[in-house]
Amino acid sequence: FSMDGDHALLRKLVQLKREHGAMLM
């Protein structure tokens, strides 16, 4: 994140993407 410098929780995002049939960008 450009103004905070921290990371997205990518592993959890991948898990939620799978569970809900979403695309991930």
PDBML (XML) file of the C-alpha atoms, coordinates in Angstrom:
<?xml version="1.0" encoding="UTF-8" ?>
<PDBx:datablock datablockName="MODEL"
   xmlns:PDBx="http://pdbml.pdb.org/schema/pdbx-v50.xsd"
   xmlns:xsi="http://www.w3.org/2001/XMLSchema-instance"
   xsi:schemaLocation="http://pdbml.pdb.org/schema/pdbx-v50.xsd pdbx-v50.xsd">
   <PDBx:atom_siteCategory>
      <PDBx:atom_site id="1">
         <PDBx:B_iso_or_equiv>0.00</PDBx:B_iso_or_equiv>
         <PDBx:Cartn_x>0.000</PDBx:Cartn_x>
         <PDBx:Cartn_y>0.000</PDBx:Cartn_y>
         <PDBx:Cartn_z>0.000</PDBx:Cartn_z>
         <PDBx:auth_asym_id>A</PDBx:auth_asym_id>
         <PDBx:auth_atom_id>CA</PDBx:auth_atom_id>
         <PDBx:auth_comp_id>PHE</PDBx:auth_comp_id>
         <PDBx:auth_seq_id>1</PDBx:auth_seq_id>
         <PDBx:group_PDB>ATOM</PDBx:group_PDB>
         <PDBx:label_alt_id xsi:nil="true" />
         <PDBx:label_asym_id>A</PDBx:label_asym_id>
         <PDBx:label_atom_id>CA</PDBx:label_atom_id>
         <PDBx:label_comp_id>PHE</PDBx:label_comp_id>
         <PDBx:label_entity_id>1</PDBx:label_entity_id>
         <PDBx:label_seq_id>1</PDBx:label_seq_id>
         <PDBx:occupancy>1.00</PDBx:occupancy>
         <PDBx:pdbx_PDB_model_num>1</PDBx:pdbx_PDB_model_num>
         <PDBx:type_symbol>C</PDBx:type_symbol>
      </PDBx:atom_site>
      <PDBx:atom_site id="2">
         <PDBx:B_iso_or_equiv>0.00</PDBx:B_iso_or_equiv>
         <PDBx:Cartn_x>1.503</PDBx:Cartn_x>
         <PDBx:Cartn_y>3.203</PDBx:Cartn_y>
         <PDBx:Cartn_z>-1.311</PDBx:Cartn_z>
         <PDBx:auth_asym_id>A</PDBx:auth_asym_id>
         <PDBx:auth_atom_id>CA</PDBx:auth_atom_id>
         <PDBx:auth_comp_id>SER</PDBx:auth_comp_id>
         <PDBx:auth_seq_id>2</PDBx:auth_seq_id>
         <PDBx:group_PDB>ATOM</PDBx:group_PDB>
         <PDBx:label_alt_id xsi:nil="true" />
         <PDBx:label_asym_id>A</PDBx:label_asym_id>
         <PDBx:label_atom_id>CA</PDBx:label_atom_id>
         <PDBx:label_comp_id>SER</PDBx:label_comp_id>
         <PDBx:label_entity_id>1</PDBx:label_entity_id>
         <PDBx:label_seq_id>2</PDBx:label_seq_id>
         <PDBx:occupancy>1.00</PDBx:occupancy>
         <PDBx:pdbx_PDB_model_num>1</PDBx:pdbx_PDB_model_num>
         <PDBx:type_symbol>C</PDBx:type_symbol>
      </PDBx:atom_site>
      <PDBx:atom_site id="3">
         <PDBx:B_iso_or_equiv>0.00</PDBx:B_iso_or_equiv>
         <PDBx:Cartn_x>0.847</PDBx:Cartn_x>
         <PDBx:Cartn_y>5.492</PDBx:Cartn_y>
         <PDBx:Cartn_z>1.663</PDBx:Cartn_z>
         <PDBx:auth_asym_id>A</PDBx:auth_asym_id>
         <PDBx:auth_atom_id>CA</PDBx:auth_atom_id>
         <PDBx:auth_comp_id>MET</PDBx:auth_comp_id>
         <PDBx:auth_seq_id>3</PDBx:auth_seq_id>
         <PDBx:group_PDB>ATOM</PDBx:group_PDB>
         <PDBx:label_alt_id xsi:nil="true" />
         <PDBx:label_asym_id>A</PDBx:label_asym_id>
         <PDBx:label_atom_id>CA</PDBx:label_atom_id>
         <PDBx:label_comp_id>MET</PDBx:label_comp_id>
         <PDBx:label_entity_id>1</PDBx:label_entity_id>
         <PDBx:label_seq_id>3</PDBx:label_seq_id>
         <PDBx:occupancy>1.00</PDBx:occupancy>
         <PDBx:pdbx_PDB_model_num>1</PDBx:pdbx_PDB_model_num>
         <PDBx:type_symbol>C</PDBx:type_symbol>
      </PDBx:atom_site>
      <PDBx:atom_site id="4">
         <PDBx:B_iso_or_equiv>0.00</PDBx:B_iso_or_equiv>
         <PDBx:Cartn_x>1.263</PDBx:Cartn_x>
         <PDBx:Cartn_y>2.967</PDBx:Cartn_y>
         <PDBx:Cartn_z>4.497</PDBx:Cartn_z>
         <PDBx:auth_asym_id>A</PDBx:auth_asym_id>
         <PDBx:auth_atom_id>CA</PDBx:auth_atom_id>
         <PDBx:auth_comp_id>ASP</PDBx:auth_comp_id>
         <PDBx:auth_seq_id>4</PDBx:auth_seq_id>
         <PDBx:group_PDB>ATOM</PDBx:group_PDB>
         <PDBx:label_alt_id xsi:nil="true" />
         <PDBx:label_asym_id>A</PDBx:label_asym_id>
         <PDBx:label_atom_id>CA</PDBx:label_atom_id>
         <PDBx:label_comp_id>ASP</PDBx:label_comp_id>
         <PDBx:label_entity_id>1</PDBx:label_entity_id>
         <PDBx:label_seq_id>4</PDBx:label_seq_id>
         <PDBx:occupancy>1.00</PDBx:occupancy>
         <PDBx:pdbx_PDB_model_num>1</PDBx:pdbx_PDB_model_num>
         <PDBx:type_symbol>C</PDBx:type_symbol>
      </PDBx:atom_site>
      <PDBx:atom_site id="5">
         <PDBx:B_iso_or_equiv>0.00</PDBx:B_iso_or_equiv>
         <PDBx:Cartn_x>3.953</PDBx:Cartn_x>
         <PDBx:Cartn_y>0.620</PDBx:Cartn_y>
         <PDBx:Cartn_z>3.195</PDBx:Cartn_z>
         <PDBx:auth_asym_id>A</PDBx:auth_asym_id>
         <PDBx:auth_atom_id>CA</PDBx:auth_atom_id>
         <PDBx:auth_comp_id>GLY</PDBx:auth_comp_id>
         <PDBx:auth_seq_id>5</PDBx:auth_seq_id>
         <PDBx:group_PDB>ATOM</PDBx:group_PDB>
         <PDBx:label_alt_id xsi:nil="true" />
         <PDBx:label_asym_id>A</PDBx:label_asym_id>
         <PDBx:label_atom_id>CA</PDBx:label_atom_id>
         <PDBx:label_comp_id>GLY</PDBx:label_comp_id>
         <PDBx:label_entity_id>1</PDBx:label_entity_id>
         <PDBx:label_seq_id>5</PDBx:label_seq_id>
         <PDBx:occupancy>1.00</PDBx:occupancy>
         <PDBx:pdbx_PDB_model_num>1</PDBx:pdbx_PDB_model_num>
         <PDBx:type_symbol>C</PDBx:type_symbol>
      </PDBx:atom_site>
      <PDBx:atom_site id="6">
         <PDBx:B_iso_or_equiv>0.00</PDBx:B_iso_or_equiv>
         <PDBx:Cartn_x>2.299</PDBx:Cartn_x>
         <PDBx:Cartn_y>-2.515</PDBx:Cartn_y>
         <PDBx:Cartn_z>4.578</PDBx:Cartn_z>
         <PDBx:auth_asym_id>A</PDBx:auth_asym_id>
         <PDBx:auth_atom_id>CA</PDBx:auth_atom_id>
         <PDBx:auth_comp_id>ASP</PDBx:auth_comp_id>
         <PDBx:auth_seq_id>6</PDBx:auth_seq_id>
         <PDBx:group_PDB>ATOM</PDBx:group_PDB>
         <PDBx:label_alt_id xsi:nil="true" />
         <PDBx:label_asym_id>A</PDBx:label_asym_id>
         <PDBx:label_atom_id>CA</PDBx:label_atom_id>
         <PDBx:label_comp_id>ASP</PDBx:label_comp_id>
         <PDBx:label_entity_id>1</PDBx:label_entity_id>
         <PDBx:label_seq_id>6</PDBx:label_seq_id>
         <PDBx:occupancy>1.00</PDBx:occupancy>
         <PDBx:pdbx_PDB_model_num>1</PDBx:pdbx_PDB_model_num>
         <PDBx:type_symbol>C</PDBx:type_symbol>
      </PDBx:atom_site>
      <PDBx:atom_site id="7">
         <PDBx:B_iso_or_equiv>0.00</PDBx:B_iso_or_equiv>
         <PDBx:Cartn_x>1.287</PDBx:Cartn_x>
         <PDBx:Cartn_y>-5.656</PDBx:Cartn_y>
         <PDBx:Cartn_z>2.696</PDBx:Cartn_z>
         <PDBx:auth_asym_id>A</PDBx:auth_asym_id>
         <PDBx:auth_atom_id>CA</PDBx:auth_atom_id>
         <PDBx:auth_comp_id>HIS</PDBx:auth_comp_id>
         <PDBx:auth_seq_id>7</PDBx:auth_seq_id>
         <PDBx:group_PDB>ATOM</PDBx:group_PDB>
         <PDBx:label_alt_id xsi:nil="true" />
         <PDBx:label_asym_id>A</PDBx:label_asym_id>
         <PDBx:label_atom_id>CA</PDBx:label_atom_id>
         <PDBx:label_comp_id>HIS</PDBx:label_comp_id>
         <PDBx:label_entity_id>1</PDBx:label_entity_id>
         <PDBx:label_seq_id>7</PDBx:label_seq_id>
         <PDBx:occupancy>1.00</PDBx:occupancy>
         <PDBx:pdbx_PDB_model_num>1</PDBx:pdbx_PDB_model_num>
         <PDBx:type_symbol>C</PDBx:type_symbol>
      </PDBx:atom_site>
      <PDBx:atom_site id="8">
         <PDBx:B_iso_or_equiv>0.00</PDBx:B_iso_or_equiv>
         <PDBx:Cartn_x>-2.038</PDBx:Cartn_x>
         <PDBx:Cartn_y>-7.096</PDBx:Cartn_y>
         <PDBx:Cartn_z>1.600</PDBx:Cartn_z>
         <PDBx:auth_asym_id>A</PDBx:auth_asym_id>
         <PDBx:auth_atom_id>CA</PDBx:auth_atom_id>
         <PDBx:auth_comp_id>ALA</PDBx:auth_comp_id>
         <PDBx:auth_seq_id>8</PDBx:auth_seq_id>
         <PDBx:group_PDB>ATOM</PDBx:group_PDB>
         <PDBx:label_alt_id xsi:nil="true" />
         <PDBx:label_asym_id>A</PDBx:label_asym_id>
         <PDBx:label_atom_id>CA</PDBx:label_atom_id>
         <PDBx:label_comp_id>ALA</PDBx:label_comp_id>
         <PDBx:label_entity_id>1</PDBx:label_entity_id>
         <PDBx:label_seq_id>8</PDBx:label_seq_id>
         <PDBx:occupancy>1.00</PDBx:occupancy>
         <PDBx:pdbx_PDB_model_num>1</PDBx:pdbx_PDB_model_num>
         <PDBx:type_symbol>C</PDBx:type_symbol>
      </PDBx:atom_site>
      <PDBx:atom_site id="9">
         <PDBx:B_iso_or_equiv>0.00</PDBx:B_iso_or_equiv>
         <PDBx:Cartn_x>-2.998</PDBx:Cartn_x>
         <PDBx:Cartn_y>-10.382</PDBx:Cartn_y>
         <PDBx:Cartn_z>3.239</PDBx:Cartn_z>
         <PDBx:auth_asym_id>A</PDBx:auth_asym_id>
         <PDBx:auth_atom_id>CA</PDBx:auth_atom_id>
         <PDBx:auth_comp_id>LEU</PDBx:auth_comp_id>
         <PDBx:auth_seq_id>9</PDBx:auth_seq_id>
         <PDBx:group_PDB>ATOM</PDBx:group_PDB>
         <PDBx:label_alt_id xsi:nil="true" />
         <PDBx:label_asym_id>A</PDBx:label_asym_id>
         <PDBx:label_atom_id>CA</PDBx:label_atom_id>
         <PDBx:label_comp_id>LEU</PDBx:label_comp_id>
         <PDBx:label_entity_id>1</PDBx:label_entity_id>
         <PDBx:label_seq_id>9</PDBx:label_seq_id>
         <PDBx:occupancy>1.00</PDBx:occupancy>
         <PDBx:pdbx_PDB_model_num>1</PDBx:pdbx_PDB_model_num>
         <PDBx:type_symbol>C</PDBx:type_symbol>
      </PDBx:atom_site>
      <PDBx:atom_site id="10">
         <PDBx:B_iso_or_equiv>0.00</PDBx:B_iso_or_equiv>
         <PDBx:Cartn_x>-2.535</PDBx:Cartn_x>
         <PDBx:Cartn_y>-12.297</PDBx:Cartn_y>
         <PDBx:Cartn_z>0.006</PDBx:Cartn_z>
         <PDBx:auth_asym_id>A</PDBx:auth_asym_id>
         <PDBx:auth_atom_id>CA</PDBx:auth_atom_id>
         <PDBx:auth_comp_id>LEU</PDBx:auth_comp_id>
         <PDBx:auth_seq_id>10</PDBx:auth_seq_id>
         <PDBx:group_PDB>ATOM</PDBx:group_PDB>
         <PDBx:label_alt_id xsi:nil="true" />
         <PDBx:label_asym_id>A</PDBx:label_asym_id>
         <PDBx:label_atom_id>CA</PDBx:label_atom_id>
         <PDBx:label_comp_id>LEU</PDBx:label_comp_id>
         <PDBx:label_entity_id>1</PDBx:label_entity_id>
         <PDBx:label_seq_id>10</PDBx:label_seq_id>
         <PDBx:occupancy>1.00</PDBx:occupancy>
         <PDBx:pdbx_PDB_model_num>1</PDBx:pdbx_PDB_model_num>
         <PDBx:type_symbol>C</PDBx:type_symbol>
      </PDBx:atom_site>
      <PDBx:atom_site id="11">
         <PDBx:B_iso_or_equiv>0.00</PDBx:B_iso_or_equiv>
         <PDBx:Cartn_x>-2.925</PDBx:Cartn_x>
         <PDBx:Cartn_y>-15.846</PDBx:Cartn_y>
         <PDBx:Cartn_z>1.336</PDBx:Cartn_z>
         <PDBx:auth_asym_id>A</PDBx:auth_asym_id>
         <PDBx:auth_atom_id>CA</PDBx:auth_atom_id>
         <PDBx:auth_comp_id>ARG</PDBx:auth_comp_id>
         <PDBx:auth_seq_id>11</PDBx:auth_seq_id>
         <PDBx:group_PDB>ATOM</PDBx:group_PDB>
         <PDBx:label_alt_id xsi:nil="true" />
         <PDBx:label_asym_id>A</PDBx:label_asym_id>
         <PDBx:label_atom_id>CA</PDBx:label_atom_id>
         <PDBx:label_comp_id>ARG</PDBx:label_comp_id>
         <PDBx:label_entity_id>1</PDBx:label_entity_id>
         <PDBx:label_seq_id>11</PDBx:label_seq_id>
         <PDBx:occupancy>1.00</PDBx:occupancy>
         <PDBx:pdbx_PDB_model_num>1</PDBx:pdbx_PDB_model_num>
         <PDBx:type_symbol>C</PDBx:type_symbol>
      </PDBx:atom_site>
      <PDBx:atom_site id="12">
         <PDBx:B_iso_or_equiv>0.00</PDBx:B_iso_or_equiv>
         <PDBx:Cartn_x>-6.283</PDBx:Cartn_x>
         <PDBx:Cartn_y>-15.024</PDBx:Cartn_y>
         <PDBx:Cartn_z>2.870</PDBx:Cartn_z>
         <PDBx:auth_asym_id>A</PDBx:auth_asym_id>
         <PDBx:auth_atom_id>CA</PDBx:auth_atom_id>
         <PDBx:auth_comp_id>LYS</PDBx:auth_comp_id>
         <PDBx:auth_seq_id>12</PDBx:auth_seq_id>
         <PDBx:group_PDB>ATOM</PDBx:group_PDB>
         <PDBx:label_alt_id xsi:nil="true" />
         <PDBx:label_asym_id>A</PDBx:label_asym_id>
         <PDBx:label_atom_id>CA</PDBx:label_atom_id>
         <PDBx:label_comp_id>LYS</PDBx:label_comp_id>
         <PDBx:label_entity_id>1</PDBx:label_entity_id>
         <PDBx:label_seq_id>12</PDBx:label_seq_id>
         <PDBx:occupancy>1.00</PDBx:occupancy>
         <PDBx:pdbx_PDB_model_num>1</PDBx:pdbx_PDB_model_num>
         <PDBx:type_symbol>C</PDBx:type_symbol>
      </PDBx:atom_site>
      <PDBx:atom_site id="13">
         <PDBx:B_iso_or_equiv>0.00</PDBx:B_iso_or_equiv>
         <PDBx:Cartn_x>-7.371</PDBx:Cartn_x>
         <PDBx:Cartn_y>-13.187</PDBx:Cartn_y>
         <PDBx:Cartn_z>-0.276</PDBx:Cartn_z>
         <PDBx:auth_asym_id>A</PDBx:auth_asym_id>
         <PDBx:auth_atom_id>CA</PDBx:auth_atom_id>
         <PDBx:auth_comp_id>LEU</PDBx:auth_comp_id>
         <PDBx:auth_seq_id>13</PDBx:auth_seq_id>
         <PDBx:group_PDB>ATOM</PDBx:group_PDB>
         <PDBx:label_alt_id xsi:nil="true" />
         <PDBx:label_asym_id>A</PDBx:label_asym_id>
         <PDBx:label_atom_id>CA</PDBx:label_atom_id>
         <PDBx:label_comp_id>LEU</PDBx:label_comp_id>
         <PDBx:label_entity_id>1</PDBx:label_entity_id>
         <PDBx:label_seq_id>13</PDBx:label_seq_id>
         <PDBx:occupancy>1.00</PDBx:occupancy>
         <PDBx:pdbx_PDB_model_num>1</PDBx:pdbx_PDB_model_num>
         <PDBx:type_symbol>C</PDBx:type_symbol>
      </PDBx:atom_site>
      <PDBx:atom_site id="14">
         <PDBx:B_iso_or_equiv>0.00</PDBx:B_iso_or_equiv>
         <PDBx:Cartn_x>-6.588</PDBx:Cartn_x>
         <PDBx:Cartn_y>-16.268</PDBx:Cartn_y>
         <PDBx:Cartn_z>-2.363</PDBx:Cartn_z>
         <PDBx:auth_asym_id>A</PDBx:auth_asym_id>
         <PDBx:auth_atom_id>CA</PDBx:auth_atom_id>
         <PDBx:auth_comp_id>VAL</PDBx:auth_comp_id>
         <PDBx:auth_seq_id>14</PDBx:auth_seq_id>
         <PDBx:group_PDB>ATOM</PDBx:group_PDB>
         <PDBx:label_alt_id xsi:nil="true" />
         <PDBx:label_asym_id>A</PDBx:label_asym_id>
         <PDBx:label_atom_id>CA</PDBx:label_atom_id>
         <PDBx:label_comp_id>VAL</PDBx:label_comp_id>
         <PDBx:label_entity_id>1</PDBx:label_entity_id>
         <PDBx:label_seq_id>14</PDBx:label_seq_id>
         <PDBx:occupancy>1.00</PDBx:occupancy>
         <PDBx:pdbx_PDB_model_num>1</PDBx:pdbx_PDB_model_num>
         <PDBx:type_symbol>C</PDBx:type_symbol>
      </PDBx:atom_site>
      <PDBx:atom_site id="15">
         <PDBx:B_iso_or_equiv>0.00</PDBx:B_iso_or_equiv>
         <PDBx:Cartn_x>-8.586</PDBx:Cartn_x>
         <PDBx:Cartn_y>-18.413</PDBx:Cartn_y>
         <PDBx:Cartn_z>0.048</PDBx:Cartn_z>
         <PDBx:auth_asym_id>A</PDBx:auth_asym_id>
         <PDBx:auth_atom_id>CA</PDBx:auth_atom_id>
         <PDBx:auth_comp_id>GLN</PDBx:auth_comp_id>
         <PDBx:auth_seq_id>15</PDBx:auth_seq_id>
         <PDBx:group_PDB>ATOM</PDBx:group_PDB>
         <PDBx:label_alt_id xsi:nil="true" />
         <PDBx:label_asym_id>A</PDBx:label_asym_id>
         <PDBx:label_atom_id>CA</PDBx:label_atom_id>
         <PDBx:label_comp_id>GLN</PDBx:label_comp_id>
         <PDBx:label_entity_id>1</PDBx:label_entity_id>
         <PDBx:label_seq_id>15</PDBx:label_seq_id>
         <PDBx:occupancy>1.00</PDBx:occupancy>
         <PDBx:pdbx_PDB_model_num>1</PDBx:pdbx_PDB_model_num>
         <PDBx:type_symbol>C</PDBx:type_symbol>
      </PDBx:atom_site>
      <PDBx:atom_site id="16">
         <PDBx:B_iso_or_equiv>0.00</PDBx:B_iso_or_equiv>
         <PDBx:Cartn_x>-11.616</PDBx:Cartn_x>
         <PDBx:Cartn_y>-16.093</PDBx:Cartn_y>
         <PDBx:Cartn_z>-0.123</PDBx:Cartn_z>
         <PDBx:auth_asym_id>A</PDBx:auth_asym_id>
         <PDBx:auth_atom_id>CA</PDBx:auth_atom_id>
         <PDBx:auth_comp_id>LEU</PDBx:auth_comp_id>
         <PDBx:auth_seq_id>16</PDBx:auth_seq_id>
         <PDBx:group_PDB>ATOM</PDBx:group_PDB>
         <PDBx:label_alt_id xsi:nil="true" />
         <PDBx:label_asym_id>A</PDBx:label_asym_id>
         <PDBx:label_atom_id>CA</PDBx:label_atom_id>
         <PDBx:label_comp_id>LEU</PDBx:label_comp_id>
         <PDBx:label_entity_id>1</PDBx:label_entity_id>
         <PDBx:label_seq_id>16</PDBx:label_seq_id>
         <PDBx:occupancy>1.00</PDBx:occupancy>
         <PDBx:pdbx_PDB_model_num>1</PDBx:pdbx_PDB_model_num>
         <PDBx:type_symbol>C</PDBx:type_symbol>
      </PDBx:atom_site>
      <PDBx:atom_site id="17">
         <PDBx:B_iso_or_equiv>0.00</PDBx:B_iso_or_equiv>
         <PDBx:Cartn_x>-11.350</PDBx:Cartn_x>
         <PDBx:Cartn_y>-15.887</PDBx:Cartn_y>
         <PDBx:Cartn_z>-3.899</PDBx:Cartn_z>
         <PDBx:auth_asym_id>A</PDBx:auth_asym_id>
         <PDBx:auth_atom_id>CA</PDBx:auth_atom_id>
         <PDBx:auth_comp_id>LYS</PDBx:auth_comp_id>
         <PDBx:auth_seq_id>17</PDBx:auth_seq_id>
         <PDBx:group_PDB>ATOM</PDBx:group_PDB>
         <PDBx:label_alt_id xsi:nil="true" />
         <PDBx:label_asym_id>A</PDBx:label_asym_id>
         <PDBx:label_atom_id>CA</PDBx:label_atom_id>
         <PDBx:label_comp_id>LYS</PDBx:label_comp_id>
         <PDBx:label_entity_id>1</PDBx:label_entity_id>
         <PDBx:label_seq_id>17</PDBx:label_seq_id>
         <PDBx:occupancy>1.00</PDBx:occupancy>
         <PDBx:pdbx_PDB_model_num>1</PDBx:pdbx_PDB_model_num>
         <PDBx:type_symbol>C</PDBx:type_symbol>
      </PDBx:atom_site>
      <PDBx:atom_site id="18">
         <PDBx:B_iso_or_equiv>0.00</PDBx:B_iso_or_equiv>
         <PDBx:Cartn_x>-11.584</PDBx:Cartn_x>
         <PDBx:Cartn_y>-19.668</PDBx:Cartn_y>
         <PDBx:Cartn_z>-4.123</PDBx:Cartn_z>
         <PDBx:auth_asym_id>A</PDBx:auth_asym_id>
         <PDBx:auth_atom_id>CA</PDBx:auth_atom_id>
         <PDBx:auth_comp_id>ARG</PDBx:auth_comp_id>
         <PDBx:auth_seq_id>18</PDBx:auth_seq_id>
         <PDBx:group_PDB>ATOM</PDBx:group_PDB>
         <PDBx:label_alt_id xsi:nil="true" />
         <PDBx:label_asym_id>A</PDBx:label_asym_id>
         <PDBx:label_atom_id>CA</PDBx:label_atom_id>
         <PDBx:label_comp_id>ARG</PDBx:label_comp_id>
         <PDBx:label_entity_id>1</PDBx:label_entity_id>
         <PDBx:label_seq_id>18</PDBx:label_seq_id>
         <PDBx:occupancy>1.00</PDBx:occupancy>
         <PDBx:pdbx_PDB_model_num>1</PDBx:pdbx_PDB_model_num>
         <PDBx:type_symbol>C</PDBx:type_symbol>
      </PDBx:atom_site>
      <PDBx:atom_site id="19">
         <PDBx:B_iso_or_equiv>0.00</PDBx:B_iso_or_equiv>
         <PDBx:Cartn_x>-14.446</PDBx:Cartn_x>
         <PDBx:Cartn_y>-19.936</PDBx:Cartn_y>
         <PDBx:Cartn_z>-1.629</PDBx:Cartn_z>
         <PDBx:auth_asym_id>A</PDBx:auth_asym_id>
         <PDBx:auth_atom_id>CA</PDBx:auth_atom_id>
         <PDBx:auth_comp_id>GLU</PDBx:auth_comp_id>
         <PDBx:auth_seq_id>19</PDBx:auth_seq_id>
         <PDBx:group_PDB>ATOM</PDBx:group_PDB>
         <PDBx:label_alt_id xsi:nil="true" />
         <PDBx:label_asym_id>A</PDBx:label_asym_id>
         <PDBx:label_atom_id>CA</PDBx:label_atom_id>
         <PDBx:label_comp_id>GLU</PDBx:label_comp_id>
         <PDBx:label_entity_id>1</PDBx:label_entity_id>
         <PDBx:label_seq_id>19</PDBx:label_seq_id>
         <PDBx:occupancy>1.00</PDBx:occupancy>
         <PDBx:pdbx_PDB_model_num>1</PDBx:pdbx_PDB_model_num>
         <PDBx:type_symbol>C</PDBx:type_symbol>
      </PDBx:atom_site>
      <PDBx:atom_site id="20">
         <PDBx:B_iso_or_equiv>0.00</PDBx:B_iso_or_equiv>
         <PDBx:Cartn_x>-16.604</PDBx:Cartn_x>
         <PDBx:Cartn_y>-17.352</PDBx:Cartn_y>
         <PDBx:Cartn_z>-3.394</PDBx:Cartn_z>
         <PDBx:auth_asym_id>A</PDBx:auth_asym_id>
         <PDBx:auth_atom_id>CA</PDBx:auth_atom_id>
         <PDBx:auth_comp_id>HIS</PDBx:auth_comp_id>
         <PDBx:auth_seq_id>20</PDBx:auth_seq_id>
         <PDBx:group_PDB>ATOM</PDBx:group_PDB>
         <PDBx:label_alt_id xsi:nil="true" />
         <PDBx:label_asym_id>A</PDBx:label_asym_id>
         <PDBx:label_atom_id>CA</PDBx:label_atom_id>
         <PDBx:label_comp_id>HIS</PDBx:label_comp_id>
         <PDBx:label_entity_id>1</PDBx:label_entity_id>
         <PDBx:label_seq_id>20</PDBx:label_seq_id>
         <PDBx:occupancy>1.00</PDBx:occupancy>
         <PDBx:pdbx_PDB_model_num>1</PDBx:pdbx_PDB_model_num>
         <PDBx:type_symbol>C</PDBx:type_symbol>
      </PDBx:atom_site>
      <PDBx:atom_site id="21">
         <PDBx:B_iso_or_equiv>0.00</PDBx:B_iso_or_equiv>
         <PDBx:Cartn_x>-15.721</PDBx:Cartn_x>
         <PDBx:Cartn_y>-17.947</PDBx:Cartn_y>
         <PDBx:Cartn_z>-7.042</PDBx:Cartn_z>
         <PDBx:auth_asym_id>A</PDBx:auth_asym_id>
         <PDBx:auth_atom_id>CA</PDBx:auth_atom_id>
         <PDBx:auth_comp_id>GLY</PDBx:auth_comp_id>
         <PDBx:auth_seq_id>21</PDBx:auth_seq_id>
         <PDBx:group_PDB>ATOM</PDBx:group_PDB>
         <PDBx:label_alt_id xsi:nil="true" />
         <PDBx:label_asym_id>A</PDBx:label_asym_id>
         <PDBx:label_atom_id>CA</PDBx:label_atom_id>
         <PDBx:label_comp_id>GLY</PDBx:label_comp_id>
         <PDBx:label_entity_id>1</PDBx:label_entity_id>
         <PDBx:label_seq_id>21</PDBx:label_seq_id>
         <PDBx:occupancy>1.00</PDBx:occupancy>
         <PDBx:pdbx_PDB_model_num>1</PDBx:pdbx_PDB_model_num>
         <PDBx:type_symbol>C</PDBx:type_symbol>
      </PDBx:atom_site>
      <PDBx:atom_site id="22">
         <PDBx:B_iso_or_equiv>0.00</PDBx:B_iso_or_equiv>
         <PDBx:Cartn_x>-14.235</PDBx:Cartn_x>
         <PDBx:Cartn_y>-14.477</PDBx:Cartn_y>
         <PDBx:Cartn_z>-7.504</PDBx:Cartn_z>
         <PDBx:auth_asym_id>A</PDBx:auth_asym_id>
         <PDBx:auth_atom_id>CA</PDBx:auth_atom_id>
         <PDBx:auth_comp_id>ALA</PDBx:auth_comp_id>
         <PDBx:auth_seq_id>22</PDBx:auth_seq_id>
         <PDBx:group_PDB>ATOM</PDBx:group_PDB>
         <PDBx:label_alt_id xsi:nil="true" />
         <PDBx:label_asym_id>A</PDBx:label_asym_id>
         <PDBx:label_atom_id>CA</PDBx:label_atom_id>
         <PDBx:label_comp_id>ALA</PDBx:label_comp_id>
         <PDBx:label_entity_id>1</PDBx:label_entity_id>
         <PDBx:label_seq_id>22</PDBx:label_seq_id>
         <PDBx:occupancy>1.00</PDBx:occupancy>
         <PDBx:pdbx_PDB_model_num>1</PDBx:pdbx_PDB_model_num>
         <PDBx:type_symbol>C</PDBx:type_symbol>
      </PDBx:atom_site>
      <PDBx:atom_site id="23">
         <PDBx:B_iso_or_equiv>0.00</PDBx:B_iso_or_equiv>
         <PDBx:Cartn_x>-11.461</PDBx:Cartn_x>
         <PDBx:Cartn_y>-13.160</PDBx:Cartn_y>
         <PDBx:Cartn_z>-9.729</PDBx:Cartn_z>
         <PDBx:auth_asym_id>A</PDBx:auth_asym_id>
         <PDBx:auth_atom_id>CA</PDBx:auth_atom_id>
         <PDBx:auth_comp_id>MET</PDBx:auth_comp_id>
         <PDBx:auth_seq_id>23</PDBx:auth_seq_id>
         <PDBx:group_PDB>ATOM</PDBx:group_PDB>
         <PDBx:label_alt_id xsi:nil="true" />
         <PDBx:label_asym_id>A</PDBx:label_asym_id>
         <PDBx:label_atom_id>CA</PDBx:label_atom_id>
         <PDBx:label_comp_id>MET</PDBx:label_comp_id>
         <PDBx:label_entity_id>1</PDBx:label_entity_id>
         <PDBx:label_seq_id>23</PDBx:label_seq_id>
         <PDBx:occupancy>1.00</PDBx:occupancy>
         <PDBx:pdbx_PDB_model_num>1</PDBx:pdbx_PDB_model_num>
         <PDBx:type_symbol>C</PDBx:type_symbol>
      </PDBx:atom_site>
      <PDBx:atom_site id="24">
         <PDBx:B_iso_or_equiv>0.00</PDBx:B_iso_or_equiv>
         <PDBx:Cartn_x>-8.381</PDBx:Cartn_x>
         <PDBx:Cartn_y>-11.742</PDBx:Cartn_y>
         <PDBx:Cartn_z>-8.022</PDBx:Cartn_z>
         <PDBx:auth_asym_id>A</PDBx:auth_asym_id>
         <PDBx:auth_atom_id>CA</PDBx:auth_atom_id>
         <PDBx:auth_comp_id>LEU</PDBx:auth_comp_id>
         <PDBx:auth_seq_id>24</PDBx:auth_seq_id>
         <PDBx:group_PDB>ATOM</PDBx:group_PDB>
         <PDBx:label_alt_id xsi:nil="true" />
         <PDBx:label_asym_id>A</PDBx:label_asym_id>
         <PDBx:label_atom_id>CA</PDBx:label_atom_id>
         <PDBx:label_comp_id>LEU</PDBx:label_comp_id>
         <PDBx:label_entity_id>1</PDBx:label_entity_id>
         <PDBx:label_seq_id>24</PDBx:label_seq_id>
         <PDBx:occupancy>1.00</PDBx:occupancy>
         <PDBx:pdbx_PDB_model_num>1</PDBx:pdbx_PDB_model_num>
         <PDBx:type_symbol>C</PDBx:type_symbol>
      </PDBx:atom_site>
      <PDBx:atom_site id="25">
         <PDBx:B_iso_or_equiv>0.00</PDBx:B_iso_or_equiv>
         <PDBx:Cartn_x>-6.430</PDBx:Cartn_x>
         <PDBx:Cartn_y>-8.761</PDBx:Cartn_y>
         <PDBx:Cartn_z>-9.371</PDBx:Cartn_z>
         <PDBx:auth_asym_id>A</PDBx:auth_asym_id>
         <PDBx:auth_atom_id>CA</PDBx:auth_atom_id>
         <PDBx:auth_comp_id>MET</PDBx:auth_comp_id>
         <PDBx:auth_seq_id>25</PDBx:auth_seq_id>
         <PDBx:group_PDB>ATOM</PDBx:group_PDB>
         <PDBx:label_alt_id xsi:nil="true" />
         <PDBx:label_asym_id>A</PDBx:label_asym_id>
         <PDBx:label_atom_id>CA</PDBx:label_atom_id>
         <PDBx:label_comp_id>MET</PDBx:label_comp_id>
         <PDBx:label_entity_id>1</PDBx:label_entity_id>
         <PDBx:label_seq_id>25</PDBx:label_seq_id>
         <PDBx:occupancy>1.00</PDBx:occupancy>
         <PDBx:pdbx_PDB_model_num>1</PDBx:pdbx_PDB_model_num>
         <PDBx:type_symbol>C</PDBx:type_symbol>
      </PDBx:atom_site>
   </PDBx:atom_siteCategory>
</PDBx:datablock>
